[in-house]
C-alpha atoms as a PDB file:
ATOM      1  CA  MET A   1      60.784   0.997 103.322  1.00  0.00           C
ATOM      2  CA  PRO A   2      58.570  -1.865 104.621  1.00  0.00           C
ATOM      3  CA  ARG A   3      59.138  -5.235 102.983  1.00  0.00           C
ATOM      4  CA  GLN A   4      55.696  -5.442 101.357  1.00  0.00           C
ATOM      5  CA  GLU A   5      55.943  -1.920  99.983  1.00  0.00           C
ATOM      6  CA  ARG A   6      59.402  -2.692  98.597  1.00  0.00           C
ATOM      7  CA  ALA A   7      58.078  -5.841  96.909  1.00  0.00           C
ATOM      8  CA  GLU A   8      55.199  -3.926  95.341  1.00  0.00           C
ATOM      9  CA  ARG A   9      57.612  -1.266  94.103  1.00  0.00           C
ATOM     10  CA  THR A  10      59.870  -3.935  92.579  1.00  0.00           C
ATOM     11  CA  ARG A  11      56.915  -5.574  90.858  1.00  0.00           C
ATOM     12  CA  GLN A  12      55.756  -2.239  89.415  1.00  0.00           C
ATOM     13  CA  LEU A  13      59.240  -1.472  88.084  1.00  0.00           C
ATOM     14  CA  LEU A  14      59.300  -4.860  86.362  1.00  0.00           C
ATOM     15  CA  VAL A  15      55.861  -4.282  84.819  1.00  0.00           C
ATOM     16  CA  GLU A  16      56.880  -0.837  83.551  1.00  0.00           C
ATOM     17  CA  ALA A  17      60.132  -2.204  82.113  1.00  0.00           C
ATOM     18  CA  ALA A  18      58.268  -5.040  80.397  1.00  0.00           C
ATOM     19  CA  ALA A  19      55.751  -2.554  79.021  1.00  0.00           C
ATOM     20  CA  ALA A  20      58.521  -0.357  77.614  1.00  0.00           C
ATOM     21  CA  SER A  21      60.118  -3.340  75.908  1.00  0.00           C
ATOM     22  CA  PHE A  22      56.830  -4.740  74.579  1.00  0.00           C
ATOM     23  CA  ASP A  23      55.921  -1.284  73.297  1.00  0.00           C
ATOM     24  CA  ALA A  24      59.243  -0.838  71.519  1.00  0.00           C
ATOM     25  CA  ASP A  25      59.920  -4.345  70.214  1.00  0.00           C
ATOM     26  CA  GLY A  26      56.756  -6.409  70.544  1.00  0.00           C
ATOM     27  CA  TYR A  27      56.118  -9.531  72.565  1.00  0.00           C
ATOM     28  CA  THR A  28      58.188 -11.990  70.531  1.00  0.00           C
ATOM     29  CA  MET A  29      61.335  -9.860  70.399  1.00  0.00           C
ATOM     30  CA  THR A  30      61.294  -9.022  74.100  1.00  0.00           C
ATOM     31  CA  GLY A  31      63.429 -11.216  76.331  1.00  0.00           C
ATOM     32  CA  LEU A  32      63.439 -11.457  80.092  1.00  0.00           C
ATOM     33  CA  GLY A  33      66.990 -10.104  80.002  1.00  0.00           C
ATOM     34  CA  ASP A  34      65.634  -6.925  78.409  1.00  0.00           C
ATOM     35  CA  VAL A  35      63.219  -6.531  81.308  1.00  0.00           C
ATOM     36  CA  THR A  36      65.845  -7.002  84.016  1.00  0.00           C
ATOM     37  CA  ARG A  37      68.199  -4.616  82.217  1.00  0.00           C
ATOM     38  CA  LEU A  38      65.589  -1.870  81.859  1.00  0.00           C
ATOM     39  CA  SER A  39      64.314  -2.285  85.409  1.00  0.00           C
ATOM     40  CA  GLY A  40      67.709  -2.611  87.050  1.00  0.00           C
ATOM     41  CA  MET A  41      66.468  -5.730  88.842  1.00  0.00           C
ATOM     42  CA  SER A  42      68.031  -9.174  89.082  1.00  0.00           C
ATOM     43  CA  LYS A  43      66.618 -12.269  87.420  1.00  0.00           C
ATOM     44  CA  GLY A  44      65.926 -13.602  90.898  1.00  0.00           C
ATOM     45  CA  ALA A  45      63.712 -10.600  91.638  1.00  0.00           C
ATOM     46  CA  LEU A  46      61.927 -11.082  88.320  1.00  0.00           C
ATOM     47  CA  TYR A  47      61.235 -14.771  88.910  1.00  0.00           C
ATOM     48  CA  PHE A  48      60.046 -14.030  92.438  1.00  0.00           C
ATOM     49  CA  HIS A  49      57.154 -12.044  90.927  1.00  0.00           C
ATOM     50  CA  PHE A  50      56.707 -13.578  87.471  1.00  0.00           C
ATOM     51  CA  GLY A  51      57.288 -17.139  86.337  1.00  0.00           C
ATOM     52  CA  SER A  52      57.328 -16.381  82.611  1.00  0.00           C
ATOM     53  CA  LYS A  53      57.206 -13.709  79.937  1.00  0.00           C
ATOM     54  CA  GLU A  54      53.532 -14.528  79.426  1.00  0.00           C
ATOM     55  CA  GLN A  55      52.821 -13.676  83.068  1.00  0.00           C
ATOM     56  CA  LEU A  56      54.575 -10.346  82.563  1.00  0.00           C
ATOM     57  CA  ALA A  57      52.378  -9.701  79.524  1.00  0.00           C
ATOM     58  CA  GLU A  58      49.280 -10.528  81.563  1.00  0.00           C
ATOM     59  CA  ALA A  59      50.368  -8.013  84.211  1.00  0.00           C
ATOM     60  CA  VAL A  60      50.878  -5.327  81.554  1.00  0.00           C
ATOM     61  CA  LEU A  61      47.448  -6.079  80.102  1.00  0.00           C
ATOM     62  CA  ALA A  62      45.878  -5.816  83.558  1.00  0.00           C
ATOM     63  CA  GLY A  63      47.587  -2.447  84.077  1.00  0.00           C
ATOM     64  CA  SER A  64      46.343  -1.300  80.697  1.00  0.00           C
ATOM     65  CA  ARG A  65      42.773  -2.213  81.613  1.00  0.00           C
ATOM     66  CA  ASP A  66      43.148  -0.186  84.815  1.00  0.00           C
ATOM     67  CA  GLY A  67      44.277   2.779  82.720  1.00  0.00           C
ATOM     68  CA  LEU A  68      41.241   2.435  80.486  1.00  0.00           C
ATOM     69  CA  ARG A  69      38.893   2.444  83.462  1.00  0.00           C
ATOM     70  CA  GLU A  70      40.656   5.525  84.836  1.00  0.00           C
ATOM     71  CA  SER A  71      40.189   7.356  81.511  1.00  0.00           C
ATOM     72  CA  ILE A  72      36.480   6.508  81.595  1.00  0.00           C
ATOM     73  CA  ARG A  73      36.171   7.851  85.150  1.00  0.00           C
ATOM     74  CA  GLU A  74      38.002  11.066  84.245  1.00  0.00           C
ATOM     75  CA  ALA A  75      35.691  11.698  81.274  1.00  0.00           C
ATOM     76  CA  ARG A  76      32.654  11.488  83.551  1.00  0.00           C
ATOM     77  CA  GLY A  77      33.279  15.049  84.718  1.00  0.00           C
ATOM     78  CA  SER A  78      31.488  16.238  81.571  1.00  0.00           C
ATOM     79  CA  GLY A  79      28.155  16.865  83.261  1.00  0.00           C
ATOM     80  CA  GLY A  80      24.948  15.730  81.617  1.00  0.00           C
ATOM     81  CA  SER A  81      25.969  15.912  77.955  1.00  0.00           C
ATOM     82  CA  THR A  82      26.522  12.512  76.367  1.00  0.00           C
ATOM     83  CA  ILE A  83      28.314  14.037  73.375  1.00  0.00           C
ATOM     84  CA  GLN A  84      30.698  16.026  75.584  1.00  0.00           C
ATOM     85  CA  TYR A  85      31.407  12.858  77.538  1.00  0.00           C
ATOM     86  CA  LEU A  86      32.368  11.088  74.307  1.00  0.00           C
ATOM     87  CA  ILE A  87      34.533  14.033  73.220  1.00  0.00           C
ATOM     88  CA  ASP A  88      36.329  14.102  76.571  1.00  0.00           C
ATOM     89  CA  LEU A  89      36.822  10.353  76.505  1.00  0.00           C
ATOM     90  CA  CYS A  90      38.491  10.526  73.082  1.00  0.00           C
ATOM     91  CA  HIS A  91      40.864  13.224  74.339  1.00  0.00           C
ATOM     92  CA  GLY A  92      41.542  11.288  77.527  1.00  0.00           C
ATOM     93  CA  LEU A  93      42.382   8.100  75.661  1.00  0.00           C
ATOM     94  CA  ALA A  94      44.752   9.977  73.345  1.00  0.00           C
ATOM     95  CA  ARG A  95      46.529  11.544  76.334  1.00  0.00           C
ATOM     96  CA  ARG A  96      46.845   8.200  78.062  1.00  0.00           C
ATOM     97  CA  VAL A  97      48.254   6.502  74.973  1.00  0.00           C
ATOM     98  CA  ASP A  98      50.836   9.288  74.772  1.00  0.00           C
ATOM     99  CA  ASP A  99      51.758   9.402  78.478  1.00  0.00           C
ATOM    100  CA  ASP A 100      51.237   5.897  79.869  1.00  0.00           C
ATOM    101  CA  VAL A 101      53.598   3.224  78.528  1.00  0.00           C
ATOM    102  CA  VAL A 102      51.729   0.421  80.312  1.00  0.00           C
ATOM    103  CA  PHE A 103      48.433   1.455  78.720  1.00  0.00           C
ATOM    104  CA  ARG A 104      50.093   1.843  75.323  1.00  0.00           C
ATOM    105  CA  ALA A 105      51.875  -1.492  75.553  1.00  0.00           C
ATOM    106  CA  GLY A 106      48.636  -3.216  76.520  1.00  0.00           C
ATOM    107  CA  LEU A 107      47.005  -1.962  73.337  1.00  0.00           C
ATOM    108  CA  ARG A 108      49.901  -3.215  71.271  1.00  0.00           C
ATOM    109  CA  LEU A 109      49.894  -6.615  72.949  1.00  0.00           C
ATOM    110  CA  THR A 110      46.247  -7.221  72.027  1.00  0.00           C
ATOM    111  CA  GLY A 111      47.295  -7.352  68.385  1.00  0.00           C
ATOM    112  CA  ASP A 112      50.653  -9.072  68.780  1.00  0.00           C
ATOM    113  CA  PRO A 113      50.747 -12.378  66.853  1.00  0.00           C
ATOM    114  CA  GLY A 114      53.235 -13.824  69.333  1.00  0.00           C
ATOM    115  CA  LEU A 115      50.770 -13.708  72.217  1.00  0.00           C
ATOM    116  CA  ASP A 116      47.755 -15.969  72.646  1.00  0.00           C
ATOM    117  CA  ALA A 117      44.757 -13.812  71.723  1.00  0.00           C
ATOM    118  CA  SER A 118      42.601 -15.581  74.315  1.00  0.00           C
ATOM    119  CA  ILE A 119      44.596 -13.872  77.095  1.00  0.00           C
ATOM    120  CA  CYS A 120      43.151 -10.535  76.072  1.00  0.00           C
ATOM    121  CA  PRO A 121      41.073 -10.076  72.915  1.00  0.00           C
ATOM    122  CA  SER A 122      41.193  -6.854  70.958  1.00  0.00           C
ATOM    123  CA  PRO A 123      39.443  -3.908  72.655  1.00  0.00           C
ATOM    124  CA  GLN A 124      38.253  -2.593  69.294  1.00  0.00           C
ATOM    125  CA  THR A 125      34.952  -4.470  69.368  1.00  0.00           C
ATOM    126  CA  SER A 126      34.096  -3.044  72.788  1.00  0.00           C
ATOM    127  CA  TRP A 127      35.094   0.447  71.643  1.00  0.00           C
ATOM    128  CA  VAL A 128      32.743   0.267  68.624  1.00  0.00           C
ATOM    129  CA  LEU A 129      29.883  -0.915  70.844  1.00  0.00           C
ATOM    130  CA  MET A 130      30.581   1.852  73.348  1.00  0.00           C
ATOM    131  CA  VAL A 131      30.505   4.612  70.721  1.00  0.00           C
ATOM    132  CA  ARG A 132      27.247   3.266  69.291  1.00  0.00           C
ATOM    133  CA  LEU A 133      25.696   3.075  72.752  1.00  0.00           C
ATOM    134  CA  LEU A 134      26.655   6.655  73.597  1.00  0.00           C
ATOM    135  CA  LEU A 135      25.385   8.059  70.304  1.00  0.00           C
ATOM    136  CA  LYS A 136      22.117   6.151  70.633  1.00  0.00           C
ATOM    137  CA  ARG A 137      21.734   7.549  74.152  1.00  0.00           C
ATOM    138  CA  ALA A 138      22.423  11.036  72.816  1.00  0.00           C
ATOM    139  CA  ALA A 139      19.762  10.526  70.148  1.00  0.00           C
ATOM    140  CA  ASP A 140      17.254   9.357  72.769  1.00  0.00           C
ATOM    141  CA  ARG A 141      17.992  12.533  74.748  1.00  0.00           C
ATOM    142  CA  ARG A 142      17.585  14.641  71.594  1.00  0.00           C
ATOM    143  CA  GLU A 143      21.172  15.823  71.798  1.00  0.00           C
ATOM    144  CA  VAL A 144      21.758  15.043  68.124  1.00  0.00           C
ATOM    145  CA  ARG A 145      20.065  16.226  64.946  1.00  0.00           C
ATOM    146  CA  THR A 146      16.995  14.284  63.883  1.00  0.00           C
ATOM    147  CA  ASP A 147      18.582  13.770  60.457  1.00  0.00           C
ATOM    148  CA  ALA A 148      22.010  12.850  61.840  1.00  0.00           C
ATOM    149  CA  PRO A 149      23.509   9.619  60.440  1.00  0.00           C
ATOM    150  CA  VAL A 150      24.089   8.146  63.906  1.00  0.00           C
ATOM    151  CA  GLU A 151      25.196   4.696  62.757  1.00  0.00           C
ATOM    152  CA  VAL A 152      27.571   6.115  60.139  1.00  0.00           C
ATOM    153  CA  THR A 153      28.967   8.585  62.677  1.00  0.00           C
ATOM    154  CA  ALA A 154      29.538   5.807  65.217  1.00  0.00           C
ATOM    155  CA  THR A 155      31.457   3.793  62.626  1.00  0.00           C
ATOM    156  CA  LEU A 156      33.508   6.842  61.620  1.00  0.00           C
ATOM    157  CA  LEU A 157      34.430   7.788  65.204  1.00  0.00           C
ATOM    158  CA  ALA A 158      35.287   4.244  66.219  1.00  0.00           C
ATOM    159  CA  ALA A 159      37.498   3.804  63.162  1.00  0.00           C
ATOM    160  CA  ALA A 160      39.100   7.240  63.534  1.00  0.00           C
ATOM    161  CA  VAL A 161      40.110   6.824  67.179  1.00  0.00           C
ATOM    162  CA  THR A 162      41.436   3.318  66.542  1.00  0.00           C
ATOM    163  CA  GLY A 163      43.328   4.617  63.511  1.00  0.00           C
ATOM    164  CA  VAL A 164      44.887   7.465  65.483  1.00  0.00           C
ATOM    165  CA  GLU A 165      46.275   4.979  68.019  1.00  0.00           C
ATOM    166  CA  VAL A 166      47.754   2.785  65.271  1.00  0.00           C
ATOM    167  CA  LEU A 167      49.264   5.722  63.362  1.00  0.00           C
ATOM    168  CA  ALA A 168      50.735   7.132  66.571  1.00  0.00           C
ATOM    169  CA  ARG A 169      52.978   4.092  66.880  1.00  0.00           C
ATOM    170  CA  GLN A 170      55.032   5.623  64.067  1.00  0.00           C
ATOM    171  CA  ASP A 171      54.389   9.321  64.729  1.00  0.00           C
ATOM    172  CA  SER A 172      53.256  10.480  68.181  1.00  0.00           C
ATOM    173  CA  GLN A 173      51.980  13.774  66.735  1.00  0.00           C
ATOM    174  CA  TRP A 174      48.788  11.905  65.839  1.00  0.00           C
ATOM    175  CA  LEU A 175      47.988  12.044  69.554  1.00  0.00           C
ATOM    176  CA  ASP A 176      48.165  15.832  69.705  1.00  0.00           C
ATOM    177  CA  ARG A 177      45.133  17.525  71.197  1.00  0.00           C
ATOM    178  CA  GLU A 178      44.609  19.497  67.989  1.00  0.00           C
ATOM    179  CA  VAL A 179      44.208  16.316  65.924  1.00  0.00           C
ATOM    180  CA  ILE A 180      41.326  15.081  68.091  1.00  0.00           C
ATOM    181  CA  THR A 181      39.856  18.594  68.246  1.00  0.00           C
ATOM    182  CA  ARG A 182      39.810  18.937  64.450  1.00  0.00           C
ATOM    183  CA  LEU A 183      38.187  15.549  64.122  1.00  0.00           C
ATOM    184  CA  TRP A 184      35.350  16.598  66.413  1.00  0.00           C
ATOM    185  CA  ARG A 185      35.012  20.012  64.788  1.00  0.00           C
ATOM    186  CA  ALA A 186      34.485  18.251  61.489  1.00  0.00           C
ATOM    187  CA  VAL A 187      31.914  15.825  62.921  1.00  0.00           C
ATOM    188  CA  LEU A 188      29.841  17.982  65.259  1.00  0.00           C
ATOM    189  CA  PRO A 189      27.993  20.230  62.740  1.00  0.00           C
ATOM    190  CA  ALA A 190      26.528  17.153  61.038  1.00  0.00           C
ATOM    191  CA  LEU A 191      25.749  15.489  64.370  1.00  0.00           C
ATOM    192  CA  VAL A 192      24.243  18.051  66.751  1.00  0.00           C
ATOM    193  CA  PRO A 193      21.713  20.892  66.312  1.00  0.00           C
ATOM    194  CA  PRO A 194      23.253  24.337  65.685  1.00  0.00           C
ATOM    195  CA  GLU A 195      22.107  25.629  69.077  1.00  0.00           C
ATOM    196  CA  GLU A 196      24.088  22.853  70.781  1.00  0.00           C
ATOM    197  CA  LEU A 197      27.449  23.708  69.186  1.00  0.00           C
ATOM    198  CA  ALA A 198      28.176  26.580  71.561  1.00  0.00           C
ATOM    199  CA  ARG A 199      27.648  24.253  74.543  1.00  0.00           C
ATOM    200  CA  LEU A 200      30.195  21.695  73.390  1.00  0.00           C
ATOM    201  CA  ASP A 201      33.960  21.962  73.663  1.00  0.00           C
ATOM    202  CA  ALA A 202      35.623  20.003  70.871  1.00  0.00           C
ATOM    203  CA  SER A 203      38.990  20.512  72.546  1.00  0.00           C
ATOM    204  CA  GLY A 204      37.886  18.679  75.699  1.00  0.00           C
ATOM    205  CA  SER A 205      36.086  20.177  78.668  1.00  0.00           C
ATOM    206  CA  ASN A 206      38.543  18.626  81.141  1.00  0.00           C
ATOM    207  CA  LEU A 207      41.455  20.548  79.642  1.00  0.00           C
ATOM    208  CA  GLU A 208      42.352  24.223  79.556  1.00  0.00           C
ATOM    209  CA  PRO A 209      39.668  25.932  77.462  1.00  0.00           C
ATOM    210  CA  ASP A 210      40.218  26.831  73.835  1.00  0.00           C
ATOM    211  CA  PRO A 211      38.596  29.877  72.170  1.00  0.00           C
ATOM    212  CA  PRO A 212      34.783  29.593  71.840  1.00  0.00           C
ATOM    213  CA  PHE A 213      33.494  27.043  69.352  1.00  0.00           C
ATOM    214  CA  PRO A 214      33.324  28.736  65.921  1.00  0.00           C
ATOM    215  CA  ALA A 215      30.104  29.154  63.990  1.00  0.00           C
ATOM    216  CA  PRO A 216      29.333  26.271  61.597  1.00  0.00           C
ATOM    217  CA  ASP A 217      30.152  28.262  58.451  1.00  0.00           C
ATOM    218  CA  ALA A 218      33.549  29.263  59.875  1.00  0.00           C
ATOM    219  CA  MET A 219      34.634  25.762  60.814  1.00  0.00           C
ATOM    220  CA  SER A 220      37.377  23.987  58.952  1.00  0.00           C
ATOM    221  CA  PRO A 221      36.298  20.531  57.728  1.00  0.00           C
ATOM    222  CA  GLU A 222      39.855  19.245  58.109  1.00  0.00           C
ATOM    223  CA  PRO A 223      39.939  16.309  60.540  1.00  0.00           C
ATOM    224  CA  GLY A 224      42.896  15.521  62.784  1.00  0.00           C
ATOM    225  CA  THR A 225      43.808   1.878  74.528  1.00  0.00           C
ATOM    226  CA  ALA A 226      42.262   0.038  74.826  1.00  0.00           C
ATOM    227  CA  GLY A 227      43.721  -2.782  77.573  1.00  0.00           C
ATOM    228  CA  CYS A 228      40.597  -4.773  76.973  1.00  0.00           C
ATOM    229  CA  SER A 229      37.398  -5.709  78.717  1.00  0.00           C
ATOM    230  CA  ARG A 230      33.821  -4.672  78.208  1.00  0.00           C
ATOM    231  CA  LEU A 231      33.672  -0.918  78.615  1.00  0.00           C
ATOM    232  CA  ASP A 232      31.429   0.829  81.092  1.00  0.00           C
ATOM    233  CA  ALA A 233      29.949   3.607  78.989  1.00  0.00           C
ATOM    234  CA  THR A 234      27.610   5.200  81.516  1.00  0.00           C
ATOM    235  CA  PRO A 235      28.390   8.912  81.883  1.00  0.00           C
ATOM    236  CA  ALA A 236      27.801  10.638  85.188  1.00  0.00           C
END
């Protein structure tokens, strides 16, 4: 393996080990010895790449931001529907929180009292703004009902997705696809015209298809990271 490639691999292993420890124990309770133990690397290798625990945290946060951007790109396969894009993005973020320890750890670090908040402020403000922007765009395109409470719906969705991520720290079942699907199945009838329901996939259009969307009167009303930076909410 070439020297540069080996160095990059070592650095990535250290970042992943730090993320696993931050995710499990938080910033304050994580020691550099925990990172070397989990990564299988020496302290010399660690200090070659990172001069402090704070630098490790910054690297995890940067990796988490990359994961967020990747989730946004993946959701852009939704076609022209702004609402479907938002649905797919919610599913994509839940999957990434479940599967990607660096992304998950980055979300946790943004709220960790042991880490200077100026390094990476909470992504929640950007998430709220993004949801509002997408719903306003959907309203401008007449993709939502004229009587739909767009502002209330934006607040509900932003709070719900943030809440799912927080609850999942104790019980990962909150990230199940069905939880997000039920949330959207509860929201959509009040948000979009009846003729639009059949065109939307509450289970995520980028995943294996579920049965067709049920008629409004047959729907159950039961409802069910990121990194940080200003979010690019422009669907394809």
